[in-house]
Amino acid sequence: MKVSSLHISQVKRKCGLEAGQDYHLSKKEDAKAPQCPPEKEAAIMDALRHFGML
């Protein structure tokens, strides 16, 4: 399963964990970031629990 760093940072922020600063901000005012799919969010949560971050 491929998981982008964008999805990992979204899940970390959702859990209240420190996520790095975003250096690649869009220049558009109405830019929308794609949301993490539920199956990938569950996989990321499992990984965070496995590594003791949650």
PDB file of N, CA and C in Angstrom:
ATOM      1  N   MET A   1       0.859  -1.170   0.000  1.00  0.00           N
ATOM      2  CA  MET A   1       0.000   0.000   0.000  1.00  0.00           C
ATOM      3  C   MET A   1       0.904   1.232   0.000  1.00  0.00           C
ATOM      4  N   LYS A   2       0.639   2.149  -0.904  1.00  0.00           N
ATOM      5  CA  LYS A   2       1.374   3.404  -0.944  1.00  0.00           C
ATOM      6  C   LYS A   2       0.620   4.444  -0.123  1.00  0.00           C
ATOM      7  N   VAL A   3       1.338   5.093   0.768  1.00  0.00           N
ATOM      8  CA  VAL A   3       0.751   6.133   1.601  1.00  0.00           C
ATOM      9  C   VAL A   3       1.637   7.368   1.476  1.00  0.00           C
ATOM     10  N   SER A   4       1.055   8.480   1.111  1.00  0.00           N
ATOM     11  CA  SER A   4       1.845   9.699   0.938  1.00  0.00           C
ATOM     12  C   SER A   4       2.107  10.371   2.289  1.00  0.00           C
ATOM     13  N   SER A   5       3.137  11.180   2.309  1.00  0.00           N
ATOM     14  CA  SER A   5       3.464  11.906   3.539  1.00  0.00           C
ATOM     15  C   SER A   5       2.367  12.904   3.887  1.00  0.00           C
ATOM     16  N   LEU A   6       1.628  13.372   2.885  1.00  0.00           N
ATOM     17  CA  LEU A   6       0.498  14.261   3.144  1.00  0.00           C
ATOM     18  C   LEU A   6      -0.548  13.560   4.000  1.00  0.00           C
ATOM     19  N   HIS A   7      -0.870  12.322   3.669  1.00  0.00           N
ATOM     20  CA  HIS A   7      -1.863  11.572   4.431  1.00  0.00           C
ATOM     21  C   HIS A   7      -1.361  11.286   5.840  1.00  0.00           C
ATOM     22  N   ILE A   8      -0.084  10.969   5.981  1.00  0.00           N
ATOM     23  CA  ILE A   8       0.477  10.701   7.308  1.00  0.00           C
ATOM     24  C   ILE A   8       0.374  11.955   8.173  1.00  0.00           C
ATOM     25  N   SER A   9       0.721  13.101   7.620  1.00  0.00           N
ATOM     26  CA  SER A   9       0.665  14.331   8.411  1.00  0.00           C
ATOM     27  C   SER A   9      -0.777  14.697   8.767  1.00  0.00           C
ATOM     28  N   GLN A  10      -1.738  14.428   7.869  1.00  0.00           N
ATOM     29  CA  GLN A  10      -3.144  14.691   8.182  1.00  0.00           C
ATOM     30  C   GLN A  10      -3.603  13.843   9.361  1.00  0.00           C
ATOM     31  N   VAL A  11      -3.227  12.562   9.378  1.00  0.00           N
ATOM     32  CA  VAL A  11      -3.638  11.676  10.470  1.00  0.00           C
ATOM     33  C   VAL A  11      -2.936  12.078  11.765  1.00  0.00           C
ATOM     34  N   LYS A  12      -1.661  12.446  11.688  1.00  0.00           N
ATOM     35  CA  LYS A  12      -0.942  12.867  12.887  1.00  0.00           C
ATOM     36  C   LYS A  12      -1.568  14.123  13.481  1.00  0.00           C
ATOM     37  N   ARG A  13      -1.945  15.079  12.633  1.00  0.00           N
ATOM     38  CA  ARG A  13      -2.596  16.291  13.140  1.00  0.00           C
ATOM     39  C   ARG A  13      -3.958  15.968  13.748  1.00  0.00           C
ATOM     40  N   LYS A  14      -4.662  15.029  13.140  1.00  0.00           N
ATOM     41  CA  LYS A  14      -5.978  14.624  13.650  1.00  0.00           C
ATOM     42  C   LYS A  14      -5.854  14.009  15.047  1.00  0.00           C
ATOM     43  N   CYS A  15      -4.737  13.318  15.297  1.00  0.00           N
ATOM     44  CA  CYS A  15      -4.489  12.686  16.601  1.00  0.00           C
ATOM     45  C   CYS A  15      -3.832  13.630  17.595  1.00  0.00           C
ATOM     46  N   GLY A  16      -3.485  14.832  17.163  1.00  0.00           N
ATOM     47  CA  GLY A  16      -2.861  15.796  18.057  1.00  0.00           C
ATOM     48  C   GLY A  16      -1.356  15.637  18.168  1.00  0.00           C
ATOM     49  N   LEU A  17      -0.744  14.885  17.255  1.00  0.00           N
ATOM     50  CA  LEU A  17       0.701  14.716  17.263  1.00  0.00           C
ATOM     51  C   LEU A  17       1.355  15.823  16.453  1.00  0.00           C
ATOM     52  N   GLU A  18       2.616  16.088  16.774  1.00  0.00           N
ATOM     53  CA  GLU A  18       3.361  17.116  16.056  1.00  0.00           C
ATOM     54  C   GLU A  18       3.693  16.629  14.657  1.00  0.00           C
ATOM     55  N   ALA A  19       3.274  17.377  13.674  1.00  0.00           N
ATOM     56  CA  ALA A  19       3.620  17.100  12.276  1.00  0.00           C
ATOM     57  C   ALA A  19       4.497  18.243  11.802  1.00  0.00           C
ATOM     58  N   GLY A  20       5.408  17.966  10.929  1.00  0.00           N
ATOM     59  CA  GLY A  20       6.336  18.981  10.438  1.00  0.00           C
ATOM     60  C   GLY A  20       5.629  20.129   9.739  1.00  0.00           C
ATOM     61  N   GLN A  21       6.373  21.206   9.548  1.00  0.00           N
ATOM     62  CA  GLN A  21       5.824  22.383   8.890  1.00  0.00           C
ATOM     63  C   GLN A  21       5.694  22.117   7.402  1.00  0.00           C
ATOM     64  N   ASP A  22       4.653  22.651   6.804  1.00  0.00           N
ATOM     65  CA  ASP A  22       4.413  22.459   5.382  1.00  0.00           C
ATOM     66  C   ASP A  22       5.140  23.550   4.615  1.00  0.00           C
ATOM     67  N   TYR A  23       6.163  23.152   3.839  1.00  0.00           N
ATOM     68  CA  TYR A  23       6.948  24.116   3.075  1.00  0.00           C
ATOM     69  C   TYR A  23       6.424  24.294   1.654  1.00  0.00           C
ATOM     70  N   HIS A  24       5.542  23.432   1.207  1.00  0.00           N
ATOM     71  CA  HIS A  24       5.037  23.472  -0.161  1.00  0.00           C
ATOM     72  C   HIS A  24       3.596  23.969  -0.181  1.00  0.00           C
ATOM     73  N   LEU A  25       3.400  25.174   0.261  1.00  0.00           N
ATOM     74  CA  LEU A  25       2.065  25.741   0.294  1.00  0.00           C
ATOM     75  C   LEU A  25       1.678  26.226  -1.095  1.00  0.00           C
ATOM     76  N   SER A  26       0.418  26.089  -1.405  1.00  0.00           N
ATOM     77  CA  SER A  26      -0.101  26.527  -2.692  1.00  0.00           C
ATOM     78  C   SER A  26      -0.216  28.040  -2.715  1.00  0.00           C
ATOM     79  N   LYS A  27      -0.024  28.595  -3.874  1.00  0.00           N
ATOM     80  CA  LYS A  27      -0.151  30.041  -4.016  1.00  0.00           C
ATOM     81  C   LYS A  27      -1.596  30.462  -4.236  1.00  0.00           C
ATOM     82  N   LYS A  28      -2.459  29.507  -4.484  1.00  0.00           N
ATOM     83  CA  LYS A  28      -3.872  29.795  -4.683  1.00  0.00           C
ATOM     84  C   LYS A  28      -4.562  29.984  -3.331  1.00  0.00           C
ATOM     85  N   GLU A  29      -5.542  30.863  -3.299  1.00  0.00           N
ATOM     86  CA  GLU A  29      -6.274  31.103  -2.058  1.00  0.00           C
ATOM     87  C   GLU A  29      -7.247  29.973  -1.748  1.00  0.00           C
ATOM     88  N   ASP A  30      -7.830  29.379  -2.769  1.00  0.00           N
ATOM     89  CA  ASP A  30      -8.841  28.346  -2.560  1.00  0.00           C
ATOM     90  C   ASP A  30      -8.304  26.936  -2.816  1.00  0.00           C
ATOM     91  N   ALA A  31      -7.034  26.711  -2.496  1.00  0.00           N
ATOM     92  CA  ALA A  31      -6.414  25.403  -2.731  1.00  0.00           C
ATOM     93  C   ALA A  31      -7.005  24.373  -1.768  1.00  0.00           C
ATOM     94  N   LYS A  32      -7.253  23.184  -2.294  1.00  0.00           N
ATOM     95  CA  LYS A  32      -7.817  22.107  -1.478  1.00  0.00           C
ATOM     96  C   LYS A  32      -6.870  20.917  -1.505  1.00  0.00           C
ATOM     97  N   ALA A  33      -6.540  20.402  -0.338  1.00  0.00           N
ATOM     98  CA  ALA A  33      -5.689  19.224  -0.245  1.00  0.00           C
ATOM     99  C   ALA A  33      -6.576  17.984  -0.264  1.00  0.00           C
ATOM    100  N   PRO A  34      -6.170  16.923  -0.958  1.00  0.00           N
ATOM    101  CA  PRO A  34      -6.964  15.699  -0.960  1.00  0.00           C
ATOM    102  C   PRO A  34      -6.993  15.068   0.437  1.00  0.00           C
ATOM    103  N   GLN A  35      -8.136  14.557   0.808  1.00  0.00           N
ATOM    104  CA  GLN A  35      -8.293  13.957   2.129  1.00  0.00           C
ATOM    105  C   GLN A  35      -7.876  12.492   2.103  1.00  0.00           C
ATOM    106  N   CYS A  36      -7.414  12.022   3.237  1.00  0.00           N
ATOM    107  CA  CYS A  36      -6.940  10.646   3.377  1.00  0.00           C
ATOM    108  C   CYS A  36      -8.134   9.680   3.346  1.00  0.00           C
ATOM    109  N   PRO A  37      -8.072   8.635   2.496  1.00  0.00           N
ATOM    110  CA  PRO A  37      -9.141   7.629   2.468  1.00  0.00           C
ATOM    111  C   PRO A  37      -9.200   6.851   3.792  1.00  0.00           C
ATOM    112  N   PRO A  38     -10.379   6.397   4.200  1.00  0.00           N
ATOM    113  CA  PRO A  38     -10.529   5.705   5.485  1.00  0.00           C
ATOM    114  C   PRO A  38      -9.639   4.468   5.633  1.00  0.00           C
ATOM    115  N   GLU A  39      -9.443   3.679   4.558  1.00  0.00           N
ATOM    116  CA  GLU A  39      -8.622   2.474   4.687  1.00  0.00           C
ATOM    117  C   GLU A  39      -7.149   2.829   4.904  1.00  0.00           C
ATOM    118  N   LYS A  40      -6.687   3.910   4.306  1.00  0.00           N
ATOM    119  CA  LYS A  40      -5.300   4.334   4.536  1.00  0.00           C
ATOM    120  C   LYS A  40      -5.161   4.961   5.921  1.00  0.00           C
ATOM    121  N   GLU A  41      -6.188   5.678   6.366  1.00  0.00           N
ATOM    122  CA  GLU A  41      -6.151   6.262   7.704  1.00  0.00           C
ATOM    123  C   GLU A  41      -6.048   5.168   8.761  1.00  0.00           C
ATOM    124  N   ALA A  42      -6.786   4.077   8.578  1.00  0.00           N
ATOM    125  CA  ALA A  42      -6.716   2.959   9.523  1.00  0.00           C
ATOM    126  C   ALA A  42      -5.325   2.330   9.517  1.00  0.00           C
ATOM    127  N   ALA A  43      -4.725   2.192   8.345  1.00  0.00           N
ATOM    128  CA  ALA A  43      -3.387   1.615   8.247  1.00  0.00           C
ATOM    129  C   ALA A  43      -2.352   2.513   8.928  1.00  0.00           C
ATOM    130  N   ILE A  44      -2.492   3.824   8.757  1.00  0.00           N
ATOM    131  CA  ILE A  44      -1.566   4.767   9.393  1.00  0.00           C
ATOM    132  C   ILE A  44      -1.731   4.723  10.907  1.00  0.00           C
ATOM    133  N   MET A  45      -2.971   4.643  11.368  1.00  0.00           N
ATOM    134  CA  MET A  45      -3.222   4.550  12.818  1.00  0.00           C
ATOM    135  C   MET A  45      -2.591   3.287  13.398  1.00  0.00           C
ATOM    136  N   ASP A  46      -2.714   2.171  12.687  1.00  0.00           N
ATOM    137  CA  ASP A  46      -2.091   0.922  13.137  1.00  0.00           C
ATOM    138  C   ASP A  46      -0.578   1.073  13.214  1.00  0.00           C
ATOM    139  N   ALA A  47       0.010   1.724  12.224  1.00  0.00           N
ATOM    140  CA  ALA A  47       1.458   1.924  12.214  1.00  0.00           C
ATOM    141  C   ALA A  47       1.891   2.830  13.363  1.00  0.00           C
ATOM    142  N   LEU A  48       1.139   3.882  13.630  1.00  0.00           N
ATOM    143  CA  LEU A  48       1.470   4.774  14.741  1.00  0.00           C
ATOM    144  C   LEU A  48       1.389   4.051  16.083  1.00  0.00           C
ATOM    145  N   ARG A  49       0.383   3.175  16.234  1.00  0.00           N
ATOM    146  CA  ARG A  49       0.270   2.372  17.457  1.00  0.00           C
ATOM    147  C   ARG A  49       1.445   1.388  17.560  1.00  0.00           C
ATOM    148  N   HIS A  50       1.818   0.771  16.450  1.00  0.00           N
ATOM    149  CA  HIS A  50       2.905  -0.205  16.429  1.00  0.00           C
ATOM    150  C   HIS A  50       4.229   0.449  16.878  1.00  0.00           C
ATOM    151  N   PHE A  51       4.471   1.665  16.436  1.00  0.00           N
ATOM    152  CA  PHE A  51       5.726   2.355  16.781  1.00  0.00           C
ATOM    153  C   PHE A  51       5.615   3.135  18.086  1.00  0.00           C
ATOM    154  N   GLY A  52       4.516   2.986  18.816  1.00  0.00           N
ATOM    155  CA  GLY A  52       4.369   3.592  20.130  1.00  0.00           C
ATOM    156  C   GLY A  52       4.159   5.096  20.114  1.00  0.00           C
ATOM    157  N   MET A  53       3.653   5.622  19.031  1.00  0.00           N
ATOM    158  CA  MET A  53       3.429   7.063  18.949  1.00  0.00           C
ATOM    159  C   MET A  53       2.045   7.440  19.453  1.00  0.00           C
ATOM    160  N   LEU A  54       1.154   6.465  19.619  1.00  0.00           N
ATOM    161  CA  LEU A  54      -0.186   6.722  20.141  1.00  0.00           C
ATOM    162  C   LEU A  54      -0.346   5.999  21.453  1.00  0.00           C
TER     163      LEU A  54
END
